[in-house]
């Protein structure tokens, strides 16, 4: 049994412009389900999970959940190694409706409900702080402030 499930899709890398394979090489891992088993979820896949547990499943809340549910995930390009890249995963009801590469900007942040908690590492680094010194409740507001200042969080 795996620790994670994976969202899989062909995603265009913003650096090299190549398309990823629609497999787990992008590293878009999720623990939304109670018992992840390394399953792959692509557009059209059925995905059942407890909406009330999303924040306990490796995501930071950005705004109250709605329908469709929008998650922002970190991914890596298997061709050029660029990390982080960002993918918006849209879940309508119990189906994956879309998985698309997106920029991490204010427009994206304003539309999503939850963001991959790994964003905390990049936020702390770009804010010049140690991760241990940034409470999780401050990550999303700090991210919003950095994006308002046009800080590019596309590099590690």
N, C-alpha and C. Protein backbone atom coordinates (compact mmCIF):
# COMPACT_ATOMS: atom_id res chain seq x y z
N UNK A 1 0.84 -1.17 0.00
CA UNK A 1 0.00 0.00 0.00
C UNK A 1 0.89 1.24 0.00
N UNK A 2 0.56 2.23 -0.85
CA UNK A 2 1.34 3.46 -0.94
C UNK A 2 0.90 4.49 0.08
N UNK A 3 1.75 5.44 0.31
CA UNK A 3 1.45 6.53 1.22
C UNK A 3 0.60 7.59 0.54
N UNK A 4 0.70 7.67 -0.78
CA UNK A 4 0.02 8.70 -1.54
C UNK A 4 -0.75 8.08 -2.70
N UNK A 5 -1.67 8.87 -3.26
CA UNK A 5 -2.21 8.64 -4.59
C UNK A 5 -1.57 9.71 -5.46
N UNK A 6 -1.82 9.65 -6.77
CA UNK A 6 -1.23 10.60 -7.70
C UNK A 6 -2.27 11.17 -8.65
N UNK A 7 -2.18 12.47 -8.89
CA UNK A 7 -2.92 13.07 -9.99
C UNK A 7 -2.00 12.99 -11.20
N UNK A 8 -2.55 12.57 -12.34
CA UNK A 8 -1.73 12.40 -13.54
C UNK A 8 -2.38 13.11 -14.72
N UNK A 9 -1.54 13.81 -15.48
CA UNK A 9 -2.00 14.51 -16.68
C UNK A 9 -0.78 14.95 -17.47
N UNK A 10 -0.99 15.21 -18.73
CA UNK A 10 0.06 15.83 -19.53
C UNK A 10 0.07 17.31 -19.20
N UNK A 11 1.20 17.80 -18.72
CA UNK A 11 1.34 19.20 -18.33
C UNK A 11 2.51 19.81 -19.08
N UNK A 12 2.31 21.04 -19.56
CA UNK A 12 3.38 21.73 -20.29
C UNK A 12 4.27 22.48 -19.30
N UNK A 13 5.56 22.19 -19.36
CA UNK A 13 6.52 22.85 -18.49
C UNK A 13 6.71 24.30 -18.92
N UNK A 14 6.63 25.24 -18.00
CA UNK A 14 6.82 26.64 -18.38
C UNK A 14 8.26 26.98 -18.76
N UNK A 15 9.23 26.14 -18.40
CA UNK A 15 10.61 26.41 -18.76
C UNK A 15 10.96 25.80 -20.13
N UNK A 16 10.82 24.49 -20.27
CA UNK A 16 11.27 23.81 -21.50
C UNK A 16 10.16 23.65 -22.53
N UNK A 17 8.91 23.91 -22.12
CA UNK A 17 7.74 23.83 -23.00
C UNK A 17 7.40 22.42 -23.46
N UNK A 18 8.05 21.41 -22.90
CA UNK A 18 7.72 20.03 -23.25
C UNK A 18 6.55 19.54 -22.41
N UNK A 19 5.81 18.59 -22.96
CA UNK A 19 4.70 17.99 -22.24
C UNK A 19 5.20 16.84 -21.38
N UNK A 20 4.72 16.79 -20.15
CA UNK A 20 5.04 15.67 -19.28
C UNK A 20 4.25 14.45 -19.74
N UNK A 21 4.66 13.31 -19.27
CA UNK A 21 3.86 12.10 -19.46
C UNK A 21 2.70 12.16 -18.48
N UNK A 22 1.61 11.52 -18.85
CA UNK A 22 0.45 11.45 -17.96
C UNK A 22 0.64 10.28 -17.00
N UNK A 23 1.63 10.42 -16.12
CA UNK A 23 1.94 9.37 -15.15
C UNK A 23 2.46 10.04 -13.88
N UNK A 24 3.00 9.24 -12.99
CA UNK A 24 3.43 9.79 -11.70
C UNK A 24 4.81 10.47 -11.75
N UNK A 25 5.38 10.62 -12.94
CA UNK A 25 6.69 11.27 -13.05
C UNK A 25 6.64 12.75 -12.67
N UNK A 26 5.47 13.35 -12.67
CA UNK A 26 5.35 14.76 -12.27
C UNK A 26 5.36 14.92 -10.75
N UNK A 27 5.12 13.83 -10.04
CA UNK A 27 5.15 13.88 -8.58
C UNK A 27 3.98 14.60 -7.95
N UNK A 28 2.83 14.64 -8.62
CA UNK A 28 1.66 15.30 -8.04
C UNK A 28 0.97 14.30 -7.10
N UNK A 29 1.42 14.30 -5.87
CA UNK A 29 0.93 13.35 -4.89
C UNK A 29 -0.19 13.96 -4.06
N UNK A 30 -1.09 13.11 -3.62
CA UNK A 30 -2.20 13.55 -2.78
C UNK A 30 -2.53 12.48 -1.75
N UNK A 31 -3.00 12.96 -0.61
CA UNK A 31 -3.48 12.07 0.44
C UNK A 31 -4.95 12.38 0.74
N UNK A 32 -5.71 12.76 -0.28
CA UNK A 32 -7.12 13.10 -0.07
C UNK A 32 -7.93 11.93 0.45
N UNK A 33 -7.66 10.75 -0.08
CA UNK A 33 -8.44 9.58 0.35
C UNK A 33 -7.94 9.07 1.70
N UNK A 34 -8.85 8.45 2.44
CA UNK A 34 -8.50 7.92 3.76
C UNK A 34 -7.39 6.87 3.69
N UNK A 35 -7.40 6.06 2.64
CA UNK A 35 -6.40 5.01 2.50
C UNK A 35 -5.77 5.05 1.11
N UNK A 36 -4.87 6.00 0.89
CA UNK A 36 -4.22 6.07 -0.42
C UNK A 36 -3.42 4.80 -0.70
N UNK A 37 -3.42 4.40 -1.99
CA UNK A 37 -2.74 3.15 -2.35
C UNK A 37 -1.95 3.28 -3.66
N UNK A 38 -1.43 4.48 -3.91
CA UNK A 38 -0.65 4.77 -5.11
C UNK A 38 -1.48 4.74 -6.39
N UNK A 39 -2.79 4.91 -6.25
CA UNK A 39 -3.66 4.98 -7.44
C UNK A 39 -3.38 6.26 -8.22
N UNK A 40 -3.67 6.19 -9.52
CA UNK A 40 -3.52 7.35 -10.39
C UNK A 40 -4.91 7.89 -10.69
N UNK A 41 -5.08 9.21 -10.57
CA UNK A 41 -6.34 9.87 -10.87
C UNK A 41 -6.11 10.88 -11.98
N UNK A 42 -6.80 10.66 -13.09
CA UNK A 42 -6.70 11.55 -14.25
C UNK A 42 -8.06 12.20 -14.46
N UNK A 43 -8.16 13.08 -15.44
CA UNK A 43 -9.43 13.73 -15.75
C UNK A 43 -10.46 12.64 -16.06
N UNK A 44 -11.61 12.72 -15.40
CA UNK A 44 -12.67 11.74 -15.56
C UNK A 44 -12.70 10.68 -14.48
N UNK A 45 -11.60 10.53 -13.73
CA UNK A 45 -11.56 9.52 -12.67
C UNK A 45 -12.50 9.87 -11.54
N UNK A 46 -13.09 8.83 -10.97
CA UNK A 46 -13.90 9.01 -9.77
C UNK A 46 -12.95 9.11 -8.57
N UNK A 47 -13.20 10.09 -7.71
CA UNK A 47 -12.36 10.31 -6.54
C UNK A 47 -13.26 10.67 -5.36
N UNK A 48 -13.42 9.73 -4.46
CA UNK A 48 -14.25 9.95 -3.28
C UNK A 48 -13.37 10.26 -2.09
N UNK A 49 -13.71 11.32 -1.35
CA UNK A 49 -12.96 11.71 -0.17
C UNK A 49 -13.86 12.59 0.69
N UNK A 50 -13.42 12.81 1.92
CA UNK A 50 -14.16 13.62 2.87
C UNK A 50 -13.71 15.07 2.73
N UNK A 51 -14.58 15.92 2.23
CA UNK A 51 -14.27 17.33 2.02
C UNK A 51 -13.83 18.01 3.31
N UNK A 52 -14.32 17.55 4.44
CA UNK A 52 -13.99 18.15 5.72
C UNK A 52 -12.58 17.78 6.20
N UNK A 53 -11.93 16.86 5.51
CA UNK A 53 -10.58 16.43 5.90
C UNK A 53 -9.49 16.91 4.95
N UNK A 54 -9.84 17.75 3.98
CA UNK A 54 -8.84 18.19 3.00
C UNK A 54 -7.67 18.89 3.69
N UNK A 55 -7.97 19.78 4.64
CA UNK A 55 -6.92 20.52 5.33
C UNK A 55 -6.03 19.60 6.19
N UNK A 56 -6.51 18.42 6.50
CA UNK A 56 -5.71 17.45 7.25
C UNK A 56 -4.97 16.49 6.32
N UNK A 57 -5.12 16.70 5.03
CA UNK A 57 -4.57 15.77 4.03
C UNK A 57 -3.44 16.36 3.22
N UNK A 58 -2.73 17.33 3.79
CA UNK A 58 -1.58 17.91 3.10
C UNK A 58 -1.89 19.18 2.34
N UNK A 59 -2.97 19.86 2.69
CA UNK A 59 -3.36 21.09 2.00
C UNK A 59 -3.58 22.21 2.99
N UNK A 60 -3.27 23.43 2.57
CA UNK A 60 -3.56 24.62 3.36
C UNK A 60 -4.80 25.28 2.78
N UNK A 61 -5.75 25.66 3.63
CA UNK A 61 -6.95 26.33 3.11
C UNK A 61 -6.62 27.75 2.64
N UNK A 62 -7.17 28.10 1.49
CA UNK A 62 -7.00 29.44 0.93
C UNK A 62 -8.29 30.23 1.10
N UNK A 63 -9.40 29.56 0.84
CA UNK A 63 -10.72 30.15 1.03
C UNK A 63 -11.71 29.00 1.23
N UNK A 64 -12.93 29.31 1.69
CA UNK A 64 -13.90 28.22 1.91
C UNK A 64 -14.11 27.38 0.65
N UNK A 65 -14.22 26.08 0.86
CA UNK A 65 -14.41 25.14 -0.25
C UNK A 65 -15.71 25.42 -0.97
N UNK A 66 -15.69 25.23 -2.27
CA UNK A 66 -16.87 25.40 -3.10
C UNK A 66 -16.92 24.31 -4.14
N UNK A 67 -17.87 24.42 -5.06
CA UNK A 67 -17.97 23.47 -6.17
C UNK A 67 -17.85 24.24 -7.47
N UNK A 68 -16.99 23.85 -8.34
CA UNK A 68 -16.08 22.71 -8.15
C UNK A 68 -14.97 23.05 -7.16
N UNK A 69 -14.42 22.02 -6.56
CA UNK A 69 -13.31 22.19 -5.64
C UNK A 69 -12.03 22.39 -6.45
N UNK A 70 -11.23 23.37 -6.06
CA UNK A 70 -9.99 23.68 -6.78
C UNK A 70 -8.79 23.56 -5.85
N UNK A 71 -7.85 22.70 -6.24
CA UNK A 71 -6.62 22.47 -5.48
C UNK A 71 -5.44 22.96 -6.30
N UNK A 72 -4.44 23.52 -5.65
CA UNK A 72 -3.21 23.88 -6.34
C UNK A 72 -2.11 22.96 -5.85
N UNK A 73 -1.52 22.22 -6.79
CA UNK A 73 -0.52 21.20 -6.50
C UNK A 73 0.83 21.59 -7.08
N UNK A 74 1.89 21.16 -6.41
CA UNK A 74 3.25 21.33 -6.92
C UNK A 74 3.58 20.13 -7.81
N UNK A 75 4.30 20.41 -8.93
CA UNK A 75 4.76 19.31 -9.77
C UNK A 75 6.15 19.62 -10.31
N UNK A 76 6.78 18.59 -10.83
CA UNK A 76 8.15 18.67 -11.34
C UNK A 76 8.20 18.21 -12.79
N UNK A 77 8.98 18.90 -13.60
CA UNK A 77 9.15 18.51 -15.01
C UNK A 77 10.17 17.38 -15.09
N UNK A 78 9.76 16.27 -15.69
CA UNK A 78 10.65 15.13 -15.86
C UNK A 78 11.67 15.32 -16.97
N UNK A 79 11.49 16.36 -17.80
CA UNK A 79 12.41 16.61 -18.90
C UNK A 79 13.57 17.51 -18.47
N UNK A 80 13.27 18.67 -17.91
CA UNK A 80 14.32 19.63 -17.56
C UNK A 80 14.55 19.73 -16.06
N UNK A 81 13.70 19.09 -15.26
CA UNK A 81 13.87 19.09 -13.82
C UNK A 81 13.32 20.32 -13.11
N UNK A 82 12.66 21.22 -13.82
CA UNK A 82 12.15 22.43 -13.17
C UNK A 82 11.18 22.07 -12.05
N UNK A 83 11.43 22.68 -10.90
CA UNK A 83 10.61 22.49 -9.71
C UNK A 83 10.76 23.75 -8.87
N UNK A 84 9.69 24.34 -8.41
CA UNK A 84 8.32 23.87 -8.55
C UNK A 84 7.63 24.41 -9.79
N UNK A 85 6.70 23.63 -10.26
CA UNK A 85 5.68 24.06 -11.22
C UNK A 85 4.37 23.92 -10.47
N UNK A 86 3.30 24.44 -11.03
CA UNK A 86 2.01 24.45 -10.33
C UNK A 86 0.92 23.90 -11.24
N UNK A 87 0.05 23.09 -10.68
CA UNK A 87 -1.07 22.52 -11.43
C UNK A 87 -2.35 22.73 -10.63
N UNK A 88 -3.38 23.15 -11.33
CA UNK A 88 -4.70 23.28 -10.72
C UNK A 88 -5.48 22.00 -10.99
N UNK A 89 -5.93 21.38 -9.91
CA UNK A 89 -6.75 20.18 -10.00
C UNK A 89 -8.17 20.58 -9.63
N UNK A 90 -9.09 20.33 -10.54
CA UNK A 90 -10.49 20.69 -10.33
C UNK A 90 -11.29 19.41 -10.12
N UNK A 91 -12.03 19.36 -9.02
CA UNK A 91 -12.85 18.20 -8.70
C UNK A 91 -14.30 18.65 -8.62
N UNK A 92 -15.12 18.09 -9.49
CA UNK A 92 -16.55 18.40 -9.53
C UNK A 92 -17.31 17.20 -8.99
N UNK A 93 -17.94 17.37 -7.84
CA UNK A 93 -18.62 16.24 -7.22
C UNK A 93 -17.59 15.19 -6.82
N UNK A 94 -17.70 14.00 -7.39
CA UNK A 94 -16.73 12.94 -7.07
C UNK A 94 -15.88 12.57 -8.30
N UNK A 95 -15.70 13.53 -9.21
CA UNK A 95 -14.91 13.29 -10.43
C UNK A 95 -13.82 14.35 -10.59
N UNK A 96 -12.68 13.92 -11.08
CA UNK A 96 -11.63 14.86 -11.46
C UNK A 96 -12.07 15.50 -12.78
N UNK A 97 -12.29 16.80 -12.76
CA UNK A 97 -12.80 17.51 -13.94
C UNK A 97 -11.68 18.11 -14.78
N UNK A 98 -10.55 18.47 -14.16
CA UNK A 98 -9.45 19.08 -14.92
C UNK A 98 -8.17 18.99 -14.11
N UNK A 99 -7.06 18.91 -14.82
CA UNK A 99 -5.72 19.01 -14.24
C UNK A 99 -4.91 19.81 -15.26
N UNK A 100 -4.54 21.03 -14.89
CA UNK A 100 -3.86 21.91 -15.84
C UNK A 100 -2.71 22.65 -15.20
N UNK A 101 -1.64 22.85 -15.96
CA UNK A 101 -0.53 23.67 -15.50
C UNK A 101 -0.99 25.12 -15.43
N UNK A 102 -0.66 25.78 -14.33
CA UNK A 102 -1.05 27.18 -14.13
C UNK A 102 0.11 27.92 -13.49
N UNK A 103 0.13 29.25 -13.62
CA UNK A 103 1.14 30.01 -12.87
C UNK A 103 0.69 30.18 -11.42
N UNK A 104 1.63 30.37 -10.53
CA UNK A 104 1.28 30.74 -9.17
C UNK A 104 1.27 32.25 -9.13
N UNK A 105 0.08 32.81 -9.25
CA UNK A 105 -0.10 34.26 -9.21
C UNK A 105 -1.36 34.58 -8.43
N UNK A 106 -1.66 35.86 -8.28
CA UNK A 106 -2.83 36.26 -7.49
C UNK A 106 -4.13 35.75 -8.09
N UNK A 107 -4.24 35.75 -9.42
CA UNK A 107 -5.47 35.27 -10.06
C UNK A 107 -5.70 33.79 -9.73
N UNK A 108 -4.65 33.00 -9.75
CA UNK A 108 -4.78 31.58 -9.41
C UNK A 108 -5.13 31.43 -7.93
N UNK A 109 -4.43 32.17 -7.08
CA UNK A 109 -4.69 32.08 -5.64
C UNK A 109 -6.12 32.49 -5.31
N UNK A 110 -6.64 33.47 -6.02
CA UNK A 110 -8.01 33.94 -5.77
C UNK A 110 -9.07 32.92 -6.16
N UNK A 111 -8.71 31.96 -7.01
CA UNK A 111 -9.69 31.00 -7.52
C UNK A 111 -9.65 29.65 -6.81
N UNK A 112 -8.54 29.33 -6.17
CA UNK A 112 -8.40 28.01 -5.56
C UNK A 112 -8.93 27.98 -4.13
N UNK A 113 -9.21 26.77 -3.67
CA UNK A 113 -9.70 26.58 -2.30
C UNK A 113 -8.61 26.08 -1.36
N UNK A 114 -7.72 25.23 -1.89
CA UNK A 114 -6.65 24.65 -1.08
C UNK A 114 -5.37 24.63 -1.91
N UNK A 115 -4.23 24.76 -1.21
CA UNK A 115 -2.93 24.70 -1.87
C UNK A 115 -2.07 23.64 -1.18
N UNK A 116 -1.27 22.95 -1.96
CA UNK A 116 -0.33 21.94 -1.47
C UNK A 116 0.49 22.56 -0.33
N UNK A 117 0.54 21.87 0.81
CA UNK A 117 1.25 22.43 1.96
C UNK A 117 2.75 22.61 1.71
N UNK A 118 3.29 21.96 0.69
CA UNK A 118 4.72 22.12 0.38
C UNK A 118 5.06 23.54 -0.07
N UNK A 119 4.04 24.34 -0.41
CA UNK A 119 4.28 25.74 -0.76
C UNK A 119 4.94 26.46 0.42
N UNK A 120 4.75 25.96 1.61
CA UNK A 120 5.31 26.60 2.81
C UNK A 120 6.82 26.75 2.72
N UNK A 121 7.51 25.77 2.15
CA UNK A 121 8.97 25.84 2.03
C UNK A 121 9.40 27.01 1.16
N UNK A 122 8.68 27.21 0.06
CA UNK A 122 9.03 28.29 -0.87
C UNK A 122 8.66 29.65 -0.31
N UNK A 123 7.53 29.72 0.36
CA UNK A 123 7.09 30.98 0.97
C UNK A 123 8.10 31.42 2.04
N UNK A 124 8.47 30.51 2.91
CA UNK A 124 9.42 30.85 3.96
C UNK A 124 10.75 31.29 3.37
N UNK A 125 11.25 30.54 2.39
CA UNK A 125 12.54 30.89 1.77
C UNK A 125 12.50 32.26 1.12
N UNK A 126 11.42 32.55 0.37
CA UNK A 126 11.32 33.84 -0.31
C UNK A 126 11.04 34.99 0.65
N UNK A 127 10.52 34.68 1.82
CA UNK A 127 10.29 35.70 2.84
C UNK A 127 11.52 35.89 3.73
N UNK A 128 12.56 35.08 3.48
CA UNK A 128 13.79 35.19 4.27
C UNK A 128 13.63 34.68 5.69
N UNK A 129 12.75 33.69 5.87
CA UNK A 129 12.49 33.15 7.20
C UNK A 129 12.72 31.65 7.20
N UNK A 130 12.96 31.11 8.39
CA UNK A 130 13.06 29.67 8.55
C UNK A 130 11.65 29.11 8.59
N UNK A 131 11.44 27.95 7.96
CA UNK A 131 10.12 27.34 7.93
C UNK A 131 9.57 27.14 9.35
N UNK A 132 10.42 26.74 10.27
CA UNK A 132 9.98 26.48 11.64
C UNK A 132 9.46 27.76 12.31
N UNK A 133 9.84 28.92 11.80
CA UNK A 133 9.42 30.19 12.39
C UNK A 133 8.16 30.76 11.75
N UNK A 134 7.57 30.03 10.81
CA UNK A 134 6.37 30.53 10.13
C UNK A 134 5.21 29.60 10.45
N UNK A 135 4.28 30.03 11.32
CA UNK A 135 3.11 29.19 11.61
C UNK A 135 2.30 28.93 10.35
N UNK A 136 1.72 27.73 10.25
CA UNK A 136 0.94 27.39 9.05
C UNK A 136 -0.16 28.40 8.77
N UNK A 137 -0.76 28.96 9.81
CA UNK A 137 -1.83 29.94 9.62
C UNK A 137 -1.34 31.20 8.91
N UNK A 138 -0.02 31.43 8.90
CA UNK A 138 0.54 32.62 8.25
C UNK A 138 1.00 32.36 6.82
N UNK A 139 1.05 31.10 6.40
CA UNK A 139 1.61 30.78 5.08
C UNK A 139 0.81 31.42 3.95
N UNK A 140 -0.49 31.22 3.91
CA UNK A 140 -1.29 31.74 2.80
C UNK A 140 -1.30 33.27 2.80
N UNK A 141 -1.50 33.96 3.94
CA UNK A 141 -1.41 35.42 3.91
C UNK A 141 -0.03 35.91 3.46
N UNK A 142 1.02 35.23 3.90
CA UNK A 142 2.38 35.61 3.49
C UNK A 142 2.56 35.36 1.99
N UNK A 143 2.04 34.26 1.50
CA UNK A 143 2.08 33.98 0.06
C UNK A 143 1.38 35.08 -0.72
N UNK A 144 0.21 35.47 -0.27
CA UNK A 144 -0.54 36.54 -0.95
C UNK A 144 0.27 37.83 -0.97
N UNK A 145 0.91 38.17 0.15
CA UNK A 145 1.74 39.38 0.21
C UNK A 145 2.91 39.30 -0.77
N UNK A 146 3.56 38.13 -0.83
CA UNK A 146 4.68 37.96 -1.76
C UNK A 146 4.22 38.11 -3.21
N UNK A 147 3.07 37.53 -3.54
CA UNK A 147 2.56 37.63 -4.90
C UNK A 147 2.15 39.06 -5.24
N UNK A 148 1.64 39.79 -4.27
CA UNK A 148 1.30 41.21 -4.50
C UNK A 148 2.54 42.02 -4.82
N UNK A 149 3.67 41.60 -4.28
CA UNK A 149 4.96 42.27 -4.55
C UNK A 149 5.64 41.69 -5.79
N UNK A 150 4.93 40.86 -6.52
CA UNK A 150 5.45 40.22 -7.74
C UNK A 150 6.67 39.34 -7.51
N UNK A 151 6.75 38.72 -6.35
CA UNK A 151 7.83 37.77 -6.09
C UNK A 151 7.56 36.51 -6.90
N UNK A 152 8.58 36.03 -7.61
CA UNK A 152 8.46 34.83 -8.44
C UNK A 152 8.78 33.61 -7.59
N UNK A 153 7.75 32.82 -7.29
CA UNK A 153 7.94 31.60 -6.50
C UNK A 153 8.12 30.38 -7.40
N UNK A 154 8.54 30.58 -8.63
CA UNK A 154 8.72 29.45 -9.54
C UNK A 154 10.11 28.86 -9.44
N UNK A 155 10.90 29.34 -8.52
CA UNK A 155 12.21 28.73 -8.29
C UNK A 155 12.32 28.35 -6.84
N UNK A 156 13.07 27.29 -6.59
CA UNK A 156 13.19 26.76 -5.24
C UNK A 156 14.09 27.53 -4.34
